[in-house]
Amino acid sequence: MTGRIVQVSVSAGGVPKTAVARAKVTAHGLEGDGHRDHEHHGGPERAVCIFAVEAIEALRAEGHPIVPGGLGENLTIAGLDWNAVVPEAILKIGDALILQITRYTSPCVNITRSFLHGDYSRVSQKRHPGWSRVYARVLVPGAVSTGDPVHLLAGTEARQIVGSLQR
């Protein structure tokens, strides 16, 4: 399954993150992206935050004033089956970047302004399955640009990539 990068976003710390055309991605995340709260954000297992533009558009249709980057996601993606972007899933982005989804994010009070009546639990995986952002670790560093293809790797292809990286 193939999608594309709609927006690459970074900030010095906090939300909203703002759009950049391109960013280098290392094991610790996107170059130029910072975090105010290192206990809950960042680090190798939460290096990249990802969300679907289709979810953003659906939330906007519900009346929420949400925009790409507004929930702190680094990569806003279009065209993937968001229900298949789950922990352990592998994403290949552009020519080299490979990410592995590690977990769903936990929404916090810092994203309140993106929601009607401040109901940031609207993107809680526990309360509203399928609406959460996800965190990813970087398996193969690289660069990401707006418009890059995003391939959701499955089955044998995903196992081969993970296996080759573990050797």
C-alpha atoms as a PDB file:
ATOM      1  CA  MET A   1       0.000   0.000   0.000  1.00  0.00           C
ATOM      2  CA  THR A   2       1.390   3.412  -0.958  1.00  0.00           C
ATOM      3  CA  GLY A   3       0.632   6.869   0.385  1.00  0.00           C
ATOM      4  CA  ARG A   4       2.510  10.151   0.408  1.00  0.00           C
ATOM      5  CA  ILE A   5       3.888  12.762   2.779  1.00  0.00           C
ATOM      6  CA  VAL A   6       1.504  15.725   2.942  1.00  0.00           C
ATOM      7  CA  GLN A   7       3.492  17.738   5.484  1.00  0.00           C
ATOM      8  CA  VAL A   8       6.781  17.515   7.378  1.00  0.00           C
ATOM      9  CA  SER A   9       6.610  19.456  10.670  1.00  0.00           C
ATOM     10  CA  VAL A  10       9.064  20.520  13.378  1.00  0.00           C
ATOM     11  CA  SER A  11       9.195  22.922  16.322  1.00  0.00           C
ATOM     12  CA  ALA A  12      11.721  24.078  18.885  1.00  0.00           C
ATOM     13  CA  GLY A  13       9.424  22.404  21.431  1.00  0.00           C
ATOM     14  CA  GLY A  14       5.692  22.137  21.854  1.00  0.00           C
ATOM     15  CA  VAL A  15       2.768  22.545  19.496  1.00  0.00           C
ATOM     16  CA  PRO A  16       1.856  23.413  16.905  1.00  0.00           C
ATOM     17  CA  LYS A  17       4.739  22.176  14.812  1.00  0.00           C
ATOM     18  CA  THR A  18       5.272  24.119  11.598  1.00  0.00           C
ATOM     19  CA  ALA A  19       5.793  22.901   8.060  1.00  0.00           C
ATOM     20  CA  VAL A  20       9.237  22.507   6.521  1.00  0.00           C
ATOM     21  CA  ALA A  21       9.912  21.276   3.010  1.00  0.00           C
ATOM     22  CA  ARG A  22      12.481  18.662   4.046  1.00  0.00           C
ATOM     23  CA  ALA A  23      14.147  17.249   7.154  1.00  0.00           C
ATOM     24  CA  LYS A  24      16.942  14.830   7.930  1.00  0.00           C
ATOM     25  CA  VAL A  25      15.749  11.966  10.170  1.00  0.00           C
ATOM     26  CA  THR A  26      18.091  10.240  12.625  1.00  0.00           C
ATOM     27  CA  ALA A  27      17.530   7.701  15.391  1.00  0.00           C
ATOM     28  CA  HIS A  28      16.513  10.615  17.636  1.00  0.00           C
ATOM     29  CA  GLY A  29      13.998  12.174  15.264  1.00  0.00           C
ATOM     30  CA  LEU A  30      13.795  15.016  12.802  1.00  0.00           C
ATOM     31  CA  GLU A  31      16.630  17.509  12.654  1.00  0.00           C
ATOM     32  CA  GLY A  32      15.387  20.835  14.018  1.00  0.00           C
ATOM     33  CA  ASP A  33      12.618  19.272  16.106  1.00  0.00           C
ATOM     34  CA  GLY A  34      12.716  19.716  19.867  1.00  0.00           C
ATOM     35  CA  HIS A  35      10.681  18.610  22.869  1.00  0.00           C
ATOM     36  CA  ARG A  36       9.907  20.473  26.083  1.00  0.00           C
ATOM     37  CA  ASP A  37       8.909  17.285  27.918  1.00  0.00           C
ATOM     38  CA  HIS A  38      11.486  14.520  27.432  1.00  0.00           C
ATOM     39  CA  GLU A  39       9.680  12.177  29.805  1.00  0.00           C
ATOM     40  CA  HIS A  40       6.705  11.846  27.428  1.00  0.00           C
ATOM     41  CA  HIS A  41       8.119  12.886  24.034  1.00  0.00           C
ATOM     42  CA  GLY A  42      11.143  12.073  21.917  1.00  0.00           C
ATOM     43  CA  GLY A  43      13.832   9.460  22.353  1.00  0.00           C
ATOM     44  CA  PRO A  44      14.553   6.472  20.128  1.00  0.00           C
ATOM     45  CA  GLU A  45      11.181   4.740  20.643  1.00  0.00           C
ATOM     46  CA  ARG A  46       9.245   7.976  20.028  1.00  0.00           C
ATOM     47  CA  ALA A  47      11.573   9.529  17.460  1.00  0.00           C
ATOM     48  CA  VAL A  48       8.857  10.388  14.926  1.00  0.00           C
ATOM     49  CA  CYS A  49       5.168  11.186  15.470  1.00  0.00           C
ATOM     50  CA  ILE A  50       2.843  10.402  12.552  1.00  0.00           C
ATOM     51  CA  PHE A  51      -0.811  11.146  11.770  1.00  0.00           C
ATOM     52  CA  ALA A  52      -3.158  10.700   8.809  1.00  0.00           C
ATOM     53  CA  VAL A  53      -4.415  13.727   6.888  1.00  0.00           C
ATOM     54  CA  GLU A  54      -7.691  11.848   6.358  1.00  0.00           C
ATOM     55  CA  ALA A  55      -8.200  11.774  10.150  1.00  0.00           C
ATOM     56  CA  ILE A  56      -7.409  15.494  10.354  1.00  0.00           C
ATOM     57  CA  GLU A  57      -9.960  16.220   7.622  1.00  0.00           C
ATOM     58  CA  ALA A  58     -12.614  14.071   9.343  1.00  0.00           C
ATOM     59  CA  LEU A  59     -11.970  15.839  12.661  1.00  0.00           C
ATOM     60  CA  ARG A  60     -12.278  19.216  10.909  1.00  0.00           C
ATOM     61  CA  ALA A  61     -15.628  18.054   9.478  1.00  0.00           C
ATOM     62  CA  GLU A  62     -16.734  17.435  13.088  1.00  0.00           C
ATOM     63  CA  GLY A  63     -15.919  21.087  13.834  1.00  0.00           C
ATOM     64  CA  HIS A  64     -12.488  20.718  15.426  1.00  0.00           C
ATOM     65  CA  PRO A  65     -10.026  23.526  14.502  1.00  0.00           C
ATOM     66  CA  ILE A  66      -7.216  21.030  13.849  1.00  0.00           C
ATOM     67  CA  VAL A  67      -4.464  21.521  11.253  1.00  0.00           C
ATOM     68  CA  PRO A  68      -1.494  19.399  10.139  1.00  0.00           C
ATOM     69  CA  GLY A  69       1.233  19.717  12.777  1.00  0.00           C
ATOM     70  CA  GLY A  70      -1.277  20.960  15.343  1.00  0.00           C
ATOM     71  CA  LEU A  71      -1.171  17.750  17.348  1.00  0.00           C
ATOM     72  CA  GLY A  72       2.613  17.653  17.344  1.00  0.00           C
ATOM     73  CA  GLU A  73       2.986  15.154  14.530  1.00  0.00           C
ATOM     74  CA  ASN A  74       6.162  15.314  12.485  1.00  0.00           C
ATOM     75  CA  LEU A  75       4.766  13.545   9.453  1.00  0.00           C
ATOM     76  CA  THR A  76       1.267  13.984   8.081  1.00  0.00           C
ATOM     77  CA  ILE A  77       0.526  11.149   5.655  1.00  0.00           C
ATOM     78  CA  ALA A  78      -2.199  10.638   3.035  1.00  0.00           C
ATOM     79  CA  GLY A  79      -3.365   7.509   1.290  1.00  0.00           C
ATOM     80  CA  LEU A  80      -2.637   4.723   3.769  1.00  0.00           C
ATOM     81  CA  ASP A  81      -5.198   2.539   5.509  1.00  0.00           C
ATOM     82  CA  TRP A  82      -4.732   4.161   8.935  1.00  0.00           C
ATOM     83  CA  ASN A  83      -6.133   1.064  10.654  1.00  0.00           C
ATOM     84  CA  ALA A  84      -3.109  -0.853   9.283  1.00  0.00           C
ATOM     85  CA  VAL A  85      -0.599   1.640  10.725  1.00  0.00           C
ATOM     86  CA  VAL A  86      -0.222  -0.201  14.016  1.00  0.00           C
ATOM     87  CA  PRO A  87       2.634  -1.059  16.385  1.00  0.00           C
ATOM     88  CA  GLU A  88       5.296  -3.137  14.591  1.00  0.00           C
ATOM     89  CA  ALA A  89       4.179  -1.936  11.115  1.00  0.00           C
ATOM     90  CA  ILE A  90       7.032  -0.846   8.835  1.00  0.00           C
ATOM     91  CA  LEU A  91       6.958   2.315   6.697  1.00  0.00           C
ATOM     92  CA  LYS A  92       9.444   3.002   3.914  1.00  0.00           C
ATOM     93  CA  ILE A  93       9.521   6.688   3.069  1.00  0.00           C
ATOM     94  CA  GLY A  94      11.228   8.068  -0.007  1.00  0.00           C
ATOM     95  CA  ASP A  95      14.368   6.268  -1.136  1.00  0.00           C
ATOM     96  CA  ALA A  96      15.906   5.232   2.179  1.00  0.00           C
ATOM     97  CA  LEU A  97      14.056   6.186   5.374  1.00  0.00           C
ATOM     98  CA  ILE A  98      12.540   3.198   7.185  1.00  0.00           C
ATOM     99  CA  LEU A  99      10.401   3.592  10.309  1.00  0.00           C
ATOM    100  CA  GLN A 100       8.778   1.026  12.577  1.00  0.00           C
ATOM    101  CA  ILE A 101       5.648   1.985  14.471  1.00  0.00           C
ATOM    102  CA  THR A 102       6.259   1.489  18.207  1.00  0.00           C
ATOM    103  CA  ARG A 103       3.009   2.569  19.862  1.00  0.00           C
ATOM    104  CA  TYR A 104      -0.019   4.836  19.873  1.00  0.00           C
ATOM    105  CA  THR A 105       0.448   8.272  21.381  1.00  0.00           C
ATOM    106  CA  SER A 106      -1.302   9.448  24.525  1.00  0.00           C
ATOM    107  CA  PRO A 107      -3.084  12.760  24.000  1.00  0.00           C
ATOM    108  CA  CYS A 108      -2.338  15.526  26.489  1.00  0.00           C
ATOM    109  CA  VAL A 109      -3.593  18.939  27.513  1.00  0.00           C
ATOM    110  CA  ASN A 110      -1.076  20.673  25.221  1.00  0.00           C
ATOM    111  CA  ILE A 111      -3.244  19.854  22.165  1.00  0.00           C
ATOM    112  CA  THR A 112      -6.480  21.184  23.700  1.00  0.00           C
ATOM    113  CA  ARG A 113      -6.755  24.148  21.311  1.00  0.00           C
ATOM    114  CA  SER A 114      -7.046  21.778  18.336  1.00  0.00           C
ATOM    115  CA  PHE A 115     -10.379  20.426  19.600  1.00  0.00           C
ATOM    116  CA  LEU A 116     -13.890  21.709  19.942  1.00  0.00           C
ATOM    117  CA  HIS A 117     -14.595  22.213  23.647  1.00  0.00           C
ATOM    118  CA  GLY A 118     -10.974  21.201  24.338  1.00  0.00           C
ATOM    119  CA  ASP A 119     -11.802  17.490  24.082  1.00  0.00           C
ATOM    120  CA  TYR A 120      -8.329  16.207  23.244  1.00  0.00           C
ATOM    121  CA  SER A 121      -9.394  12.668  24.217  1.00  0.00           C
ATOM    122  CA  ARG A 122     -10.947  12.573  20.730  1.00  0.00           C
ATOM    123  CA  VAL A 123      -7.598  11.177  19.527  1.00  0.00           C
ATOM    124  CA  SER A 124      -7.182   8.656  22.347  1.00  0.00           C
ATOM    125  CA  GLN A 125      -6.669   5.120  21.051  1.00  0.00           C
ATOM    126  CA  LYS A 126      -8.329   3.753  24.197  1.00  0.00           C
ATOM    127  CA  ARG A 127     -11.454   5.904  23.887  1.00  0.00           C
ATOM    128  CA  HIS A 128     -11.641   6.211  20.088  1.00  0.00           C
ATOM    129  CA  PRO A 129      -9.731   3.345  18.420  1.00  0.00           C
ATOM    130  CA  GLY A 130      -8.308   4.253  15.025  1.00  0.00           C
ATOM    131  CA  TRP A 131      -8.057   7.994  15.718  1.00  0.00           C
ATOM    132  CA  SER A 132      -4.690   8.137  17.488  1.00  0.00           C
ATOM    133  CA  ARG A 133      -1.388   9.408  16.218  1.00  0.00           C
ATOM    134  CA  VAL A 134       1.467   6.899  16.335  1.00  0.00           C
ATOM    135  CA  TYR A 135       5.113   6.991  17.352  1.00  0.00           C
ATOM    136  CA  ALA A 136       7.876   5.336  15.367  1.00  0.00           C
ATOM    137  CA  ARG A 137      11.513   4.356  15.789  1.00  0.00           C
ATOM    138  CA  VAL A 138      13.979   4.951  12.977  1.00  0.00           C
ATOM    139  CA  LEU A 139      15.321   1.683  11.563  1.00  0.00           C
ATOM    140  CA  VAL A 140      17.208   3.324   8.681  1.00  0.00           C
ATOM    141  CA  PRO A 141      17.970   7.064   8.848  1.00  0.00           C
ATOM    142  CA  GLY A 142      17.352   9.257   5.849  1.00  0.00           C
ATOM    143  CA  ALA A 143      15.612  12.390   4.701  1.00  0.00           C
ATOM    144  CA  VAL A 144      11.933  13.114   4.250  1.00  0.00           C
ATOM    145  CA  SER A 145      10.324  15.697   1.987  1.00  0.00           C
ATOM    146  CA  THR A 146       6.795  16.808   1.277  1.00  0.00           C
ATOM    147  CA  GLY A 147       5.430  14.617  -1.514  1.00  0.00           C
ATOM    148  CA  ASP A 148       7.653  11.608  -0.786  1.00  0.00           C
ATOM    149  CA  PRO A 149       5.991   8.220  -1.289  1.00  0.00           C
ATOM    150  CA  VAL A 150       5.181   6.205   1.829  1.00  0.00           C
ATOM    151  CA  HIS A 151       5.010   2.425   1.509  1.00  0.00           C
ATOM    152  CA  LEU A 152       3.331   0.377   4.219  1.00  0.00           C
ATOM    153  CA  LEU A 153       5.298  -2.847   4.111  1.00  0.00           C
ATOM    154  CA  ALA A 154       3.576  -6.028   5.129  1.00  0.00           C
ATOM    155  CA  GLY A 155       4.227  -9.699   5.573  1.00  0.00           C
ATOM    156  CA  THR A 156       7.379 -11.134   4.038  1.00  0.00           C
ATOM    157  CA  GLU A 157       8.673  -7.769   2.833  1.00  0.00           C
ATOM    158  CA  ALA A 158       8.484  -6.255   6.342  1.00  0.00           C
ATOM    159  CA  ARG A 159      10.044  -9.338   7.971  1.00  0.00           C
ATOM    160  CA  GLN A 160      12.902  -9.300   5.452  1.00  0.00           C
ATOM    161  CA  ILE A 161      13.717  -5.660   6.217  1.00  0.00           C
ATOM    162  CA  VAL A 162      13.648  -6.160   9.982  1.00  0.00           C
ATOM    163  CA  GLY A 163      15.642  -9.394   9.660  1.00  0.00           C
ATOM    164  CA  SER A 164      18.322  -7.786   7.507  1.00  0.00           C
ATOM    165  CA  LEU A 165      18.720  -4.940  10.005  1.00  0.00           C
ATOM    166  CA  GLN A 166      19.123  -7.361  12.929  1.00  0.00           C
ATOM    167  CA  ARG A 167      22.043  -9.213  11.316  1.00  0.00           C
END
